All heavy atoms as atom14 arrays in JSON, in Angstrom:
{
  "sequence": "QDALKEIPPHKLLYDSAGATHPVLFTPDLGDQ",
  "atom14_mask": [
    [1, 1, 1, 1, 1, 1, 1, 1, 1, 0, 0, 0, 0, 0],
    [1, 1, 1, 1, 1, 1, 1, 1, 0, 0, 0, 0, 0, 0],
    [1, 1, 1, 1, 1, 0, 0, 0, 0, 0, 0, 0, 0, 0],
    [1, 1, 1, 1, 1, 1, 1, 1, 0, 0, 0, 0, 0, 0],
    [1, 1, 1, 1, 1, 1, 1, 1, 1, 0, 0, 0, 0, 0],
    [1, 1, 1, 1, 1, 1, 1, 1, 1, 0, 0, 0, 0, 0],
    [1, 1, 1, 1, 1, 1, 1, 1, 0, 0, 0, 0, 0, 0],
    [1, 1, 1, 1, 1, 1, 1, 0, 0, 0, 0, 0, 0, 0],
    [1, 1, 1, 1, 1, 1, 1, 0, 0, 0, 0, 0, 0, 0],
    [1, 1, 1, 1, 1, 1, 1, 1, 1, 1, 0, 0, 0, 0],
    [1, 1, 1, 1, 1, 1, 1, 1, 1, 0, 0, 0, 0, 0],
    [1, 1, 1, 1, 1, 1, 1, 1, 0, 0, 0, 0, 0, 0],
    [1, 1, 1, 1, 1, 1, 1, 1, 0, 0, 0, 0, 0, 0],
    [1, 1, 1, 1, 1, 1, 1, 1, 1, 1, 1, 1, 0, 0],
    [1, 1, 1, 1, 1, 1, 1, 1, 0, 0, 0, 0, 0, 0],
    [1, 1, 1, 1, 1, 1, 0, 0, 0, 0, 0, 0, 0, 0],
    [1, 1, 1, 1, 1, 0, 0, 0, 0, 0, 0, 0, 0, 0],
    [1, 1, 1, 1, 0, 0, 0, 0, 0, 0, 0, 0, 0, 0],
    [1, 1, 1, 1, 1, 0, 0, 0, 0, 0, 0, 0, 0, 0],
    [1, 1, 1, 1, 1, 1, 1, 0, 0, 0, 0, 0, 0, 0],
    [1, 1, 1, 1, 1, 1, 1, 1, 1, 1, 0, 0, 0, 0],
    [1, 1, 1, 1, 1, 1, 1, 0, 0, 0, 0, 0, 0, 0],
    [1, 1, 1, 1, 1, 1, 1, 0, 0, 0, 0, 0, 0, 0],
    [1, 1, 1, 1, 1, 1, 1, 1, 0, 0, 0, 0, 0, 0],
    [1, 1, 1, 1, 1, 1, 1, 1, 1, 1, 1, 0, 0, 0],
    [1, 1, 1, 1, 1, 1, 1, 0, 0, 0, 0, 0, 0, 0],
    [1, 1, 1, 1, 1, 1, 1, 0, 0, 0, 0, 0, 0, 0],
    [1, 1, 1, 1, 1, 1, 1, 1, 0, 0, 0, 0, 0, 0],
    [1, 1, 1, 1, 1, 1, 1, 1, 0, 0, 0, 0, 0, 0],
    [1, 1, 1, 1, 0, 0, 0, 0, 0, 0, 0, 0, 0, 0],
    [1, 1, 1, 1, 1, 1, 1, 1, 0, 0, 0, 0, 0, 0],
    [1, 1, 1, 1, 1, 1, 1, 1, 1, 0, 0, 0, 0, 0]
  ],
  "atom14_positions": [
    [[-7.66, -7.95, 32.55], [-6.92, -7.87, 31.33], [-7.1, -9.07, 30.36], [-7.14, -8.9, 29.23], [-5.44, -7.75, 31.63], [-4.96, -6.39, 31.95], [-3.46, -6.3, 32.16], [-2.76, -7.34, 32.17], [-2.96, -5.1, 32.31], [0.0, 0.0, 0.0], [0.0, 0.0, 0.0], [0.0, 0.0, 0.0], [0.0, 0.0, 0.0], [0.0, 0.0, 0.0]],
    [[-7.23, -10.27, 30.98], [-7.34, -11.46, 30.09], [-8.71, -11.49, 29.33], [-8.82, -12.2, 28.36], [-7.21, -12.7, 30.94], [-8.18, -12.84, 32.08], [-8.76, -11.79, 32.51], [-8.4, -13.97, 32.54], [0.0, 0.0, 0.0], [0.0, 0.0, 0.0], [0.0, 0.0, 0.0], [0.0, 0.0, 0.0], [0.0, 0.0, 0.0], [0.0, 0.0, 0.0]],
    [[-9.69, -10.68, 29.72], [-10.96, -10.69, 29.06], [-11.08, -9.5, 28.07], [-12.03, -9.5, 27.25], [-12.07, -10.59, 30.09], [0.0, 0.0, 0.0], [0.0, 0.0, 0.0], [0.0, 0.0, 0.0], [0.0, 0.0, 0.0], [0.0, 0.0, 0.0], [0.0, 0.0, 0.0], [0.0, 0.0, 0.0], [0.0, 0.0, 0.0], [0.0, 0.0, 0.0]],
    [[-10.21, -8.53, 28.1], [-10.31, -7.35, 27.27], [-10.04, -7.7, 25.8], [-9.04, -8.43, 25.54], [-9.34, -6.27, 27.74], [-9.62, -5.65, 29.08], [-8.51, -4.71, 29.49], [-10.93, -5.0, 29.13], [0.0, 0.0, 0.0], [0.0, 0.0, 0.0], [0.0, 0.0, 0.0], [0.0, 0.0, 0.0], [0.0, 0.0, 0.0], [0.0, 0.0, 0.0]],
    [[-10.81, -7.2, 24.89], [-10.7, -7.47, 23.53], [-11.45, -6.46, 22.66], [-12.43, -6.82, 22.03], [-11.14, -8.89, 23.22], [-10.78, -9.44, 21.84], [-11.41, -10.82, 21.69], [-10.6, -11.68, 20.83], [-11.22, -12.98, 20.66], [0.0, 0.0, 0.0], [0.0, 0.0, 0.0], [0.0, 0.0, 0.0], [0.0, 0.0, 0.0], [0.0, 0.0, 0.0]],
    [[-11.03, -5.2, 22.75], [-11.72, -4.19, 21.97], [-10.77, -2.99, 21.73], [-9.82, -2.81, 22.4], [-12.96, -3.69, 22.68], [-12.66, -2.79, 23.92], [-13.96, -2.17, 24.47], [-14.98, -2.23, 23.87], [-13.82, -1.6, 25.54], [0.0, 0.0, 0.0], [0.0, 0.0, 0.0], [0.0, 0.0, 0.0], [0.0, 0.0, 0.0], [0.0, 0.0, 0.0]],
    [[-11.15, -2.22, 20.66], [-10.4, -1.02, 20.43], [-11.11, 0.04, 21.21], [-12.28, 0.27, 21.0], [-10.42, -0.71, 18.88], [-9.61, -1.78, 18.15], [-9.83, 0.66, 18.67], [-9.73, -1.7, 16.67], [0.0, 0.0, 0.0], [0.0, 0.0, 0.0], [0.0, 0.0, 0.0], [0.0, 0.0, 0.0], [0.0, 0.0, 0.0], [0.0, 0.0, 0.0]],
    [[-10.43, 0.67, 22.19], [-11.13, 1.67, 22.99], [-11.68, 2.82, 22.08], [-10.93, 3.5, 21.29], [-10.0, 2.22, 23.91], [-8.94, 1.2, 23.9], [-9.06, 0.53, 22.55], [0.0, 0.0, 0.0], [0.0, 0.0, 0.0], [0.0, 0.0, 0.0], [0.0, 0.0, 0.0], [0.0, 0.0, 0.0], [0.0, 0.0, 0.0], [0.0, 0.0, 0.0]],
    [[-12.98, 3.08, 22.15], [-13.58, 4.12, 21.31], [-13.37, 5.56, 21.79], [-13.46, 6.47, 21.02], [-15.08, 3.69, 21.28], [-15.23, 3.05, 22.66], [-13.97, 2.37, 22.97], [0.0, 0.0, 0.0], [0.0, 0.0, 0.0], [0.0, 0.0, 0.0], [0.0, 0.0, 0.0], [0.0, 0.0, 0.0], [0.0, 0.0, 0.0], [0.0, 0.0, 0.0]],
    [[-13.17, 5.76, 23.11], [-13.13, 7.05, 23.64], [-11.94, 7.82, 23.14], [-10.78, 7.4, 23.27], [-13.1, 7.02, 25.22], [-13.07, 8.39, 25.87], [-14.04, 9.27, 25.76], [-12.07, 8.96, 26.59], [-13.78, 10.36, 26.41], [-12.51, 10.17, 26.94], [0.0, 0.0, 0.0], [0.0, 0.0, 0.0], [0.0, 0.0, 0.0], [0.0, 0.0, 0.0]],
    [[-12.14, 8.97, 22.46], [-11.13, 9.83, 21.91], [-10.29, 9.14, 20.82], [-9.12, 9.45, 20.67], [-10.29, 10.46, 22.96], [-11.03, 11.5, 23.79], [-10.04, 12.39, 24.52], [-10.76, 13.53, 25.12], [-9.82, 14.52, 25.7], [0.0, 0.0, 0.0], [0.0, 0.0, 0.0], [0.0, 0.0, 0.0], [0.0, 0.0, 0.0], [0.0, 0.0, 0.0]],
    [[-10.93, 8.21, 20.13], [-10.21, 7.63, 18.93], [-10.3, 8.68, 17.88], [-11.33, 8.89, 17.22], [-10.87, 6.35, 18.54], [-10.34, 5.62, 17.32], [-8.89, 5.29, 17.48], [-11.14, 4.41, 16.9], [0.0, 0.0, 0.0], [0.0, 0.0, 0.0], [0.0, 0.0, 0.0], [0.0, 0.0, 0.0], [0.0, 0.0, 0.0], [0.0, 0.0, 0.0]],
    [[-9.21, 9.34, 17.59], [-9.18, 10.43, 16.67], [-9.1, 9.94, 15.24], [-9.66, 10.59, 14.32], [-7.95, 11.35, 16.93], [-7.73, 12.61, 16.19], [-8.93, 13.58, 16.45], [-6.39, 13.23, 16.55], [0.0, 0.0, 0.0], [0.0, 0.0, 0.0], [0.0, 0.0, 0.0], [0.0, 0.0, 0.0], [0.0, 0.0, 0.0], [0.0, 0.0, 0.0]],
    [[-8.45, 8.83, 15.0], [-8.25, 8.31, 13.68], [-8.02, 6.77, 13.68], [-7.33, 6.28, 14.49], [-7.03, 8.98, 13.05], [-6.69, 8.52, 11.65], [-7.45, 8.96, 10.57], [-5.63, 7.72, 11.45], [-7.14, 8.55, 9.3], [-5.3, 7.3, 10.15], [-6.09, 7.69, 9.05], [-5.76, 7.29, 7.81], [0.0, 0.0, 0.0], [0.0, 0.0, 0.0]],
    [[-8.65, 6.12, 12.72], [-8.42, 4.7, 12.45], [-8.37, 4.58, 10.92], [-9.37, 4.8, 10.29], [-9.54, 3.84, 13.09], [-9.33, 2.35, 12.89], [-8.45, 1.95, 12.14], [-10.09, 1.59, 13.46], [0.0, 0.0, 0.0], [0.0, 0.0, 0.0], [0.0, 0.0, 0.0], [0.0, 0.0, 0.0], [0.0, 0.0, 0.0], [0.0, 0.0, 0.0]],
    [[-7.23, 4.2, 10.47], [-7.03, 4.09, 8.98], [-7.95, 3.08, 8.33], [-8.15, 3.17, 7.16], [-5.56, 3.83, 8.66], [-5.17, 2.57, 9.12], [0.0, 0.0, 0.0], [0.0, 0.0, 0.0], [0.0, 0.0, 0.0], [0.0, 0.0, 0.0], [0.0, 0.0, 0.0], [0.0, 0.0, 0.0], [0.0, 0.0, 0.0], [0.0, 0.0, 0.0]],
    [[-8.44, 2.1, 9.08], [-9.38, 1.15, 8.57], [-10.72, 1.82, 8.32], [-11.41, 2.21, 9.24], [-9.59, -0.04, 9.46], [0.0, 0.0, 0.0], [0.0, 0.0, 0.0], [0.0, 0.0, 0.0], [0.0, 0.0, 0.0], [0.0, 0.0, 0.0], [0.0, 0.0, 0.0], [0.0, 0.0, 0.0], [0.0, 0.0, 0.0], [0.0, 0.0, 0.0]],
    [[-11.02, 2.12, 7.04], [-12.27, 2.71, 6.7], [-12.22, 4.22, 6.73], [-13.28, 4.91, 6.53], [0.0, 0.0, 0.0], [0.0, 0.0, 0.0], [0.0, 0.0, 0.0], [0.0, 0.0, 0.0], [0.0, 0.0, 0.0], [0.0, 0.0, 0.0], [0.0, 0.0, 0.0], [0.0, 0.0, 0.0], [0.0, 0.0, 0.0], [0.0, 0.0, 0.0]],
    [[-11.1, 4.86, 6.98], [-11.0, 6.33, 7.08], [-11.16, 6.9, 5.64], [-10.6, 6.37, 4.65], [-9.66, 6.73, 7.61], [0.0, 0.0, 0.0], [0.0, 0.0, 0.0], [0.0, 0.0, 0.0], [0.0, 0.0, 0.0], [0.0, 0.0, 0.0], [0.0, 0.0, 0.0], [0.0, 0.0, 0.0], [0.0, 0.0, 0.0], [0.0, 0.0, 0.0]],
    [[-11.94, 7.88, 5.53], [-12.23, 8.5, 4.2], [-11.62, 9.87, 4.1], [-11.69, 10.47, 3.03], [-13.69, 8.55, 3.93], [-14.34, 9.28, 5.0], [-14.32, 7.12, 3.87], [0.0, 0.0, 0.0], [0.0, 0.0, 0.0], [0.0, 0.0, 0.0], [0.0, 0.0, 0.0], [0.0, 0.0, 0.0], [0.0, 0.0, 0.0], [0.0, 0.0, 0.0]],
    [[-11.1, 10.44, 5.17], [-10.56, 11.8, 5.11], [-9.34, 11.89, 6.06], [-9.26, 11.15, 7.07], [-11.61, 12.8, 5.52], [-12.11, 12.65, 6.93], [-13.03, 11.66, 7.27], [-11.79, 13.33, 8.07], [-13.23, 11.75, 8.6], [-12.56, 12.77, 9.09], [0.0, 0.0, 0.0], [0.0, 0.0, 0.0], [0.0, 0.0, 0.0], [0.0, 0.0, 0.0]],
    [[-8.42, 12.81, 5.75], [-7.22, 12.97, 6.64], [-7.72, 13.62, 7.97], [-8.72, 14.28, 8.08], [-6.33, 13.89, 5.81], [-7.17, 14.55, 4.81], [-8.34, 13.69, 4.58], [0.0, 0.0, 0.0], [0.0, 0.0, 0.0], [0.0, 0.0, 0.0], [0.0, 0.0, 0.0], [0.0, 0.0, 0.0], [0.0, 0.0, 0.0], [0.0, 0.0, 0.0]],
    [[-6.82, 13.51, 8.95], [-7.13, 14.04, 10.29], [-6.05, 15.15, 10.56], [-4.94, 14.99, 10.11], [-7.07, 12.97, 11.35], [-5.72, 12.36, 11.53], [-7.56, 13.48, 12.67], [0.0, 0.0, 0.0], [0.0, 0.0, 0.0], [0.0, 0.0, 0.0], [0.0, 0.0, 0.0], [0.0, 0.0, 0.0], [0.0, 0.0, 0.0], [0.0, 0.0, 0.0]],
    [[-6.45, 16.18, 11.24], [-5.5, 17.19, 11.68], [-5.19, 16.81, 13.13], [-6.0, 16.57, 13.97], [-6.11, 18.54, 11.65], [-6.24, 19.19, 10.27], [-6.98, 20.51, 10.36], [-4.94, 19.31, 9.58], [0.0, 0.0, 0.0], [0.0, 0.0, 0.0], [0.0, 0.0, 0.0], [0.0, 0.0, 0.0], [0.0, 0.0, 0.0], [0.0, 0.0, 0.0]],
    [[-3.88, 16.82, 13.47], [-3.41, 16.38, 14.79], [-2.33, 17.35, 15.25], [-1.45, 17.73, 14.54], [-2.85, 15.0, 14.61], [-2.18, 14.44, 15.86], [-2.88, 14.31, 17.08], [-0.87, 13.94, 15.76], [-2.23, 13.78, 18.16], [-0.23, 13.35, 16.95], [-0.99, 13.32, 18.1], [0.0, 0.0, 0.0], [0.0, 0.0, 0.0], [0.0, 0.0, 0.0]],
    [[-2.43, 17.76, 16.51], [-1.41, 18.6, 17.17], [-0.87, 17.8, 18.34], [-1.51, 17.7, 19.37], [-2.03, 19.95, 17.72], [-2.68, 20.59, 16.57], [-0.92, 20.81, 18.25], [0.0, 0.0, 0.0], [0.0, 0.0, 0.0], [0.0, 0.0, 0.0], [0.0, 0.0, 0.0], [0.0, 0.0, 0.0], [0.0, 0.0, 0.0], [0.0, 0.0, 0.0]],
    [[0.29, 17.16, 18.16], [0.87, 16.38, 19.24], [1.21, 17.27, 20.48], [1.98, 18.14, 20.32], [2.11, 15.74, 18.64], [2.21, 16.25, 17.29], [1.11, 17.18, 16.96], [0.0, 0.0, 0.0], [0.0, 0.0, 0.0], [0.0, 0.0, 0.0], [0.0, 0.0, 0.0], [0.0, 0.0, 0.0], [0.0, 0.0, 0.0], [0.0, 0.0, 0.0]],
    [[0.56, 17.0, 21.58], [0.77, 17.88, 22.76], [1.13, 16.98, 23.95], [0.41, 16.06, 24.29], [-0.54, 18.59, 23.05], [-0.38, 19.7, 24.09], [0.66, 19.75, 24.8], [-1.33, 20.49, 24.27], [0.0, 0.0, 0.0], [0.0, 0.0, 0.0], [0.0, 0.0, 0.0], [0.0, 0.0, 0.0], [0.0, 0.0, 0.0], [0.0, 0.0, 0.0]],
    [[2.23, 17.27, 24.58], [2.76, 16.54, 25.72], [2.62, 17.28, 27.03], [3.05, 16.82, 28.05], [4.18, 16.09, 25.49], [4.38, 15.1, 24.36], [5.86, 14.92, 24.06], [3.73, 13.8, 24.71], [0.0, 0.0, 0.0], [0.0, 0.0, 0.0], [0.0, 0.0, 0.0], [0.0, 0.0, 0.0], [0.0, 0.0, 0.0], [0.0, 0.0, 0.0]],
    [[2.07, 18.48, 26.98], [1.98, 19.26, 28.24], [0.84, 18.85, 29.1], [-0.31, 19.18, 28.88], [0.0, 0.0, 0.0], [0.0, 0.0, 0.0], [0.0, 0.0, 0.0], [0.0, 0.0, 0.0], [0.0, 0.0, 0.0], [0.0, 0.0, 0.0], [0.0, 0.0, 0.0], [0.0, 0.0, 0.0], [0.0, 0.0, 0.0], [0.0, 0.0, 0.0]],
    [[1.07, 17.98, 30.07], [0.04, 17.4, 30.97], [-1.05, 16.64, 30.22], [-2.07, 16.39, 30.8], [-0.56, 18.46, 31.86], [0.4, 19.02, 32.86], [1.33, 18.3, 33.22], [0.25, 20.18, 33.27], [0.0, 0.0, 0.0], [0.0, 0.0, 0.0], [0.0, 0.0, 0.0], [0.0, 0.0, 0.0], [0.0, 0.0, 0.0], [0.0, 0.0, 0.0]],
    [[-0.78, 16.3, 29.01], [-1.76, 15.55, 28.21], [-0.99, 14.37, 27.64], [0.05, 14.05, 28.09], [-2.34, 16.39, 27.1], [-3.1, 17.65, 27.62], [-3.67, 18.43, 26.49], [-4.24, 17.85, 25.54], [-3.43, 19.7, 26.46], [0.0, 0.0, 0.0], [0.0, 0.0, 0.0], [0.0, 0.0, 0.0], [0.0, 0.0, 0.0], [0.0, 0.0, 0.0]]
  ]
}
């Protein structure tokens, strides 16, 4: 943990820094 220093890229759906378009999102809590 003390060495970690990154934004995890896997399944990064949206990052407002540099985003040029809106994202569609369906918040799902069923086993996800």
